[in-house]
Amino acid sequence: QPEDFGKLRPSQGTETWISVVLVFALLIASLIRWRYYNRVKTLMDAFLLNRFVSQIVREENVFLNRVNLLLSVLYLLIVSLFAYLSMDVLGLHMLSSLSPPLVFLVIGGGLTALFMLKMLVVIISGYIFDQGRAAAEYVFSIFLYNQMAALMLIPVLVALLYTRLIDPYYLVLAGSALLVFFYLFRLFRIVTGGLASPSVSVYYLFLY
């Protein structure tokens, strides 16, 4: 990278472990695309239309499905890596006492614990209020929208790691805006779908 006429400074390289994590995530995405293409199409239909969510949940145990498990692993890898890089770009060093790989693992572990806790609370609430089907559909929707968000975040993550022509601050903003959009879209779809269902009351919808 030119610093002054006749002088060069080494460009800051990407840490090896980050490249390993990204390559592993891309291998998972390629495997899903190659081996489970029809299943991915079904999930895309469910992402676009609420009625496919009910159909999928009714026909199979979605939480033990191989594709859903792989997509969940992909989500944790991509979002955890994006969060780590965003903290670095924004100068947030809350876990500076830990090595970078450990910071990444802490973020991934925190995300896993958060969603496991949320899933447990929703399932227990559905059992208590006799809304097991609605609770299962809600949990599946959480996983589905998170998985789709992770797939869309991959190009942003690659650009953040290897592109020097775009200010990384704007890439962090773009990735964050993408995650917020998917969250709001998921919330909108769940609310509208719940209001349209005669078996779900507004009280349960607000509670979940």
Protein backbone atom coordinates (compact mmCIF):
# COMPACT_ATOMS: atom_id res chain seq x y z
CA GLN A 1 0.00 0.00 0.00
CA PRO A 2 1.59 3.33 -1.05
CA GLU A 3 2.29 5.60 1.90
CA ASP A 4 4.52 8.20 0.31
CA PHE A 5 6.44 8.54 -2.93
CA GLY A 6 9.06 5.82 -3.02
CA LYS A 7 7.89 4.27 0.24
CA LEU A 8 5.65 1.27 0.84
CA ARG A 9 4.21 -0.22 3.97
CA PRO A 10 3.04 -3.86 4.20
CA SER A 11 -0.71 -4.32 3.91
CA GLN A 12 -2.35 -5.76 6.97
CA GLY A 13 -2.98 -9.44 6.26
CA THR A 14 -5.95 -11.50 7.30
CA GLU A 15 -5.27 -13.81 10.22
CA THR A 16 -5.02 -17.44 9.15
CA TRP A 17 -7.74 -18.70 11.47
CA ILE A 18 -10.25 -16.23 9.97
CA SER A 19 -9.57 -17.57 6.48
CA VAL A 20 -9.93 -21.14 7.76
CA VAL A 21 -13.32 -20.36 9.33
CA LEU A 22 -14.52 -18.61 6.17
CA VAL A 23 -13.38 -21.46 3.90
CA PHE A 24 -15.09 -23.99 6.18
CA ALA A 25 -18.31 -21.95 6.04
CA LEU A 26 -18.11 -21.73 2.24
CA LEU A 27 -17.57 -25.50 2.04
CA ILE A 28 -20.74 -26.03 4.08
CA ALA A 29 -22.66 -23.65 1.81
CA SER A 30 -21.35 -25.45 -1.28
CA LEU A 31 -22.27 -28.86 0.16
CA ILE A 32 -25.80 -27.67 0.88
CA ARG A 33 -26.12 -26.19 -2.59
CA TRP A 34 -24.83 -29.34 -4.29
CA ARG A 35 -26.31 -32.11 -2.14
CA TYR A 36 -29.58 -30.61 -0.89
CA TYR A 37 -30.68 -28.25 -3.65
CA ASN A 38 -34.34 -29.33 -3.58
CA ARG A 39 -34.49 -28.91 0.16
CA VAL A 40 -33.07 -25.40 -0.13
CA LYS A 41 -35.77 -24.56 -2.70
CA THR A 42 -38.40 -25.74 -0.21
CA LEU A 43 -36.91 -23.54 2.50
CA MET A 44 -36.88 -20.59 0.11
CA ASP A 45 -40.60 -21.17 -0.52
CA ALA A 46 -41.17 -21.18 3.24
CA PHE A 47 -39.15 -17.97 3.52
CA LEU A 48 -41.39 -16.28 0.94
CA LEU A 49 -44.77 -17.76 1.93
CA ASN A 50 -46.00 -18.47 5.47
CA ARG A 51 -48.16 -21.42 4.44
CA PHE A 52 -45.07 -23.47 3.59
CA VAL A 53 -43.80 -23.01 7.15
CA SER A 54 -46.88 -24.77 8.54
CA GLN A 55 -46.57 -27.50 5.93
CA ILE A 56 -42.91 -28.22 6.68
CA VAL A 57 -43.43 -28.26 10.45
CA ARG A 58 -46.43 -30.56 10.06
CA GLU A 59 -44.71 -33.07 7.81
CA GLU A 60 -41.35 -33.58 9.55
CA ASN A 61 -39.16 -32.96 12.57
CA VAL A 62 -37.48 -29.86 11.19
CA PHE A 63 -35.14 -29.40 14.14
CA LEU A 64 -33.35 -32.69 13.45
CA ASN A 65 -33.25 -32.27 9.68
CA ARG A 66 -29.70 -32.49 8.33
CA VAL A 67 -30.00 -29.43 6.11
CA ASN A 68 -31.38 -27.28 8.93
CA LEU A 69 -28.54 -28.36 11.20
CA LEU A 70 -25.94 -27.50 8.54
CA LEU A 71 -27.59 -24.14 7.87
CA SER A 72 -27.64 -23.41 11.60
CA VAL A 73 -23.90 -24.16 11.83
CA LEU A 74 -23.37 -21.90 8.82
CA TYR A 75 -25.36 -19.13 10.51
CA LEU A 76 -23.28 -19.34 13.69
CA LEU A 77 -20.00 -19.27 11.76
CA ILE A 78 -20.95 -16.38 9.47
CA VAL A 79 -22.65 -14.14 12.04
CA SER A 80 -20.01 -14.78 14.71
CA LEU A 81 -17.23 -13.93 12.27
CA PHE A 82 -19.07 -10.82 11.10
CA ALA A 83 -19.59 -9.72 14.72
CA TYR A 84 -15.90 -10.26 15.49
CA LEU A 85 -14.77 -8.25 12.44
CA SER A 86 -17.32 -5.52 13.18
CA MET A 87 -15.96 -5.14 16.70
CA ASP A 88 -12.47 -4.85 15.26
CA VAL A 89 -13.50 -2.23 12.66
CA LEU A 90 -15.47 -0.18 15.19
CA GLY A 91 -12.71 -0.39 17.79
CA LEU A 92 -14.78 -2.31 20.34
CA HIS A 93 -12.34 -4.34 22.41
CA MET A 94 -14.57 -5.59 25.20
CA LEU A 95 -12.81 -8.98 25.25
CA SER A 96 -9.31 -7.67 24.58
CA SER A 97 -7.84 -9.89 27.30
CA LEU A 98 -8.65 -12.95 25.17
CA SER A 99 -6.93 -14.06 22.00
CA PRO A 100 -8.84 -13.37 18.75
CA PRO A 101 -9.89 -17.01 18.17
CA LEU A 102 -11.24 -17.17 21.73
CA VAL A 103 -13.21 -13.95 21.18
CA PHE A 104 -14.76 -15.56 18.10
CA LEU A 105 -15.63 -18.69 20.11
CA VAL A 106 -17.15 -16.61 22.92
CA ILE A 107 -19.36 -14.79 20.41
CA GLY A 108 -20.42 -18.07 18.79
CA GLY A 109 -21.09 -19.66 22.17
CA GLY A 110 -23.13 -16.65 23.26
CA LEU A 111 -25.26 -16.80 20.11
CA THR A 112 -25.81 -20.54 20.57
CA ALA A 113 -26.82 -20.13 24.22
CA LEU A 114 -29.13 -17.23 23.39
CA PHE A 115 -31.08 -19.11 20.73
CA MET A 116 -31.20 -22.34 22.73
CA LEU A 117 -32.65 -20.40 25.67
CA LYS A 118 -35.15 -18.62 23.45
CA MET A 119 -36.21 -21.87 21.81
CA LEU A 120 -36.67 -23.51 25.21
CA VAL A 121 -38.78 -20.62 26.54
CA VAL A 122 -41.03 -20.62 23.47
CA ILE A 123 -41.53 -24.39 23.51
CA ILE A 124 -42.34 -24.39 27.24
CA SER A 125 -44.74 -21.47 26.74
CA GLY A 126 -46.43 -23.32 23.88
CA TYR A 127 -46.85 -26.39 26.07
CA ILE A 128 -48.29 -24.38 28.98
CA PHE A 129 -50.81 -22.52 26.81
CA ASP A 130 -51.61 -25.54 24.62
CA GLN A 131 -50.13 -23.90 21.51
CA GLY A 132 -47.49 -26.47 20.66
CA ARG A 133 -47.93 -26.21 16.89
CA ALA A 134 -47.73 -22.40 16.90
CA ALA A 135 -44.63 -22.53 19.11
CA ALA A 136 -42.93 -25.03 16.79
CA GLU A 137 -43.71 -22.86 13.75
CA TYR A 138 -42.35 -19.80 15.52
CA VAL A 139 -39.10 -21.52 16.47
CA PHE A 140 -38.72 -22.83 12.93
CA SER A 141 -39.31 -19.32 11.58
CA ILE A 142 -36.53 -17.97 13.80
CA PHE A 143 -34.10 -20.54 12.43
CA LEU A 144 -35.29 -20.07 8.84
CA TYR A 145 -34.88 -16.29 8.73
CA ASN A 146 -31.54 -16.44 10.52
CA GLN A 147 -30.28 -19.00 8.01
CA MET A 148 -31.39 -16.92 5.02
CA ALA A 149 -29.75 -13.84 6.57
CA ALA A 150 -26.47 -15.74 6.95
CA LEU A 151 -26.50 -16.73 3.27
CA MET A 152 -27.05 -13.11 2.22
CA LEU A 153 -24.31 -11.96 4.59
CA ILE A 154 -21.59 -14.09 2.95
CA PRO A 155 -20.77 -11.59 0.12
CA VAL A 156 -20.56 -8.74 2.65
CA LEU A 157 -18.24 -10.81 4.83
CA VAL A 158 -15.97 -11.71 1.90
CA ALA A 159 -15.80 -8.04 0.87
CA LEU A 160 -15.04 -7.01 4.45
CA LEU A 161 -12.14 -9.46 4.60
CA TYR A 162 -10.52 -9.13 1.21
CA THR A 163 -11.65 -5.88 -0.46
CA ARG A 164 -9.59 -2.75 0.11
CA LEU A 165 -11.54 -0.54 -2.30
CA ILE A 166 -14.52 -0.11 0.05
CA ASP A 167 -14.33 1.47 3.48
CA PRO A 168 -14.86 -1.42 5.99
CA TYR A 169 -17.01 0.88 8.13
CA TYR A 170 -19.62 1.03 5.35
CA LEU A 171 -19.47 -2.73 4.90
CA VAL A 172 -20.15 -3.18 8.62
CA LEU A 173 -23.12 -0.82 8.31
CA ALA A 174 -24.39 -2.73 5.27
CA GLY A 175 -24.11 -6.09 7.04
CA SER A 176 -25.77 -4.77 10.20
CA ALA A 177 -28.59 -3.22 8.14
CA LEU A 178 -29.08 -6.58 6.41
CA LEU A 179 -29.42 -8.41 9.75
CA VAL A 180 -31.84 -5.76 11.07
CA PHE A 181 -33.91 -6.00 7.87
CA PHE A 182 -34.24 -9.78 8.20
CA TYR A 183 -35.22 -9.43 11.86
CA LEU A 184 -37.92 -6.85 11.09
CA PHE A 185 -39.13 -8.85 8.09
CA ARG A 186 -39.36 -11.97 10.26
CA LEU A 187 -41.28 -10.04 12.90
CA PHE A 188 -43.67 -8.67 10.28
CA ARG A 189 -44.30 -12.09 8.73
CA ILE A 190 -44.86 -13.75 12.10
CA VAL A 191 -47.28 -11.06 13.27
CA THR A 192 -49.28 -10.99 10.03
CA GLY A 193 -49.31 -14.79 9.86
CA GLY A 194 -50.43 -15.06 13.47
CA LEU A 195 -53.22 -12.52 13.04
CA ALA A 196 -54.45 -14.41 9.98
CA SER A 197 -54.58 -17.72 11.86
CA PRO A 198 -57.85 -18.40 13.73
CA SER A 199 -56.06 -20.74 16.16
CA VAL A 200 -53.69 -18.07 17.50
CA SER A 201 -54.99 -15.29 19.72
CA VAL A 202 -53.48 -11.82 19.86
CA TYR A 203 -52.53 -12.52 23.49
CA TYR A 204 -50.42 -15.57 22.57
CA LEU A 205 -48.90 -13.71 19.65
CA PHE A 206 -47.81 -10.84 21.90
CA LEU A 207 -46.53 -13.29 24.51
CA TYR A 208 -44.35 -15.18 22.01
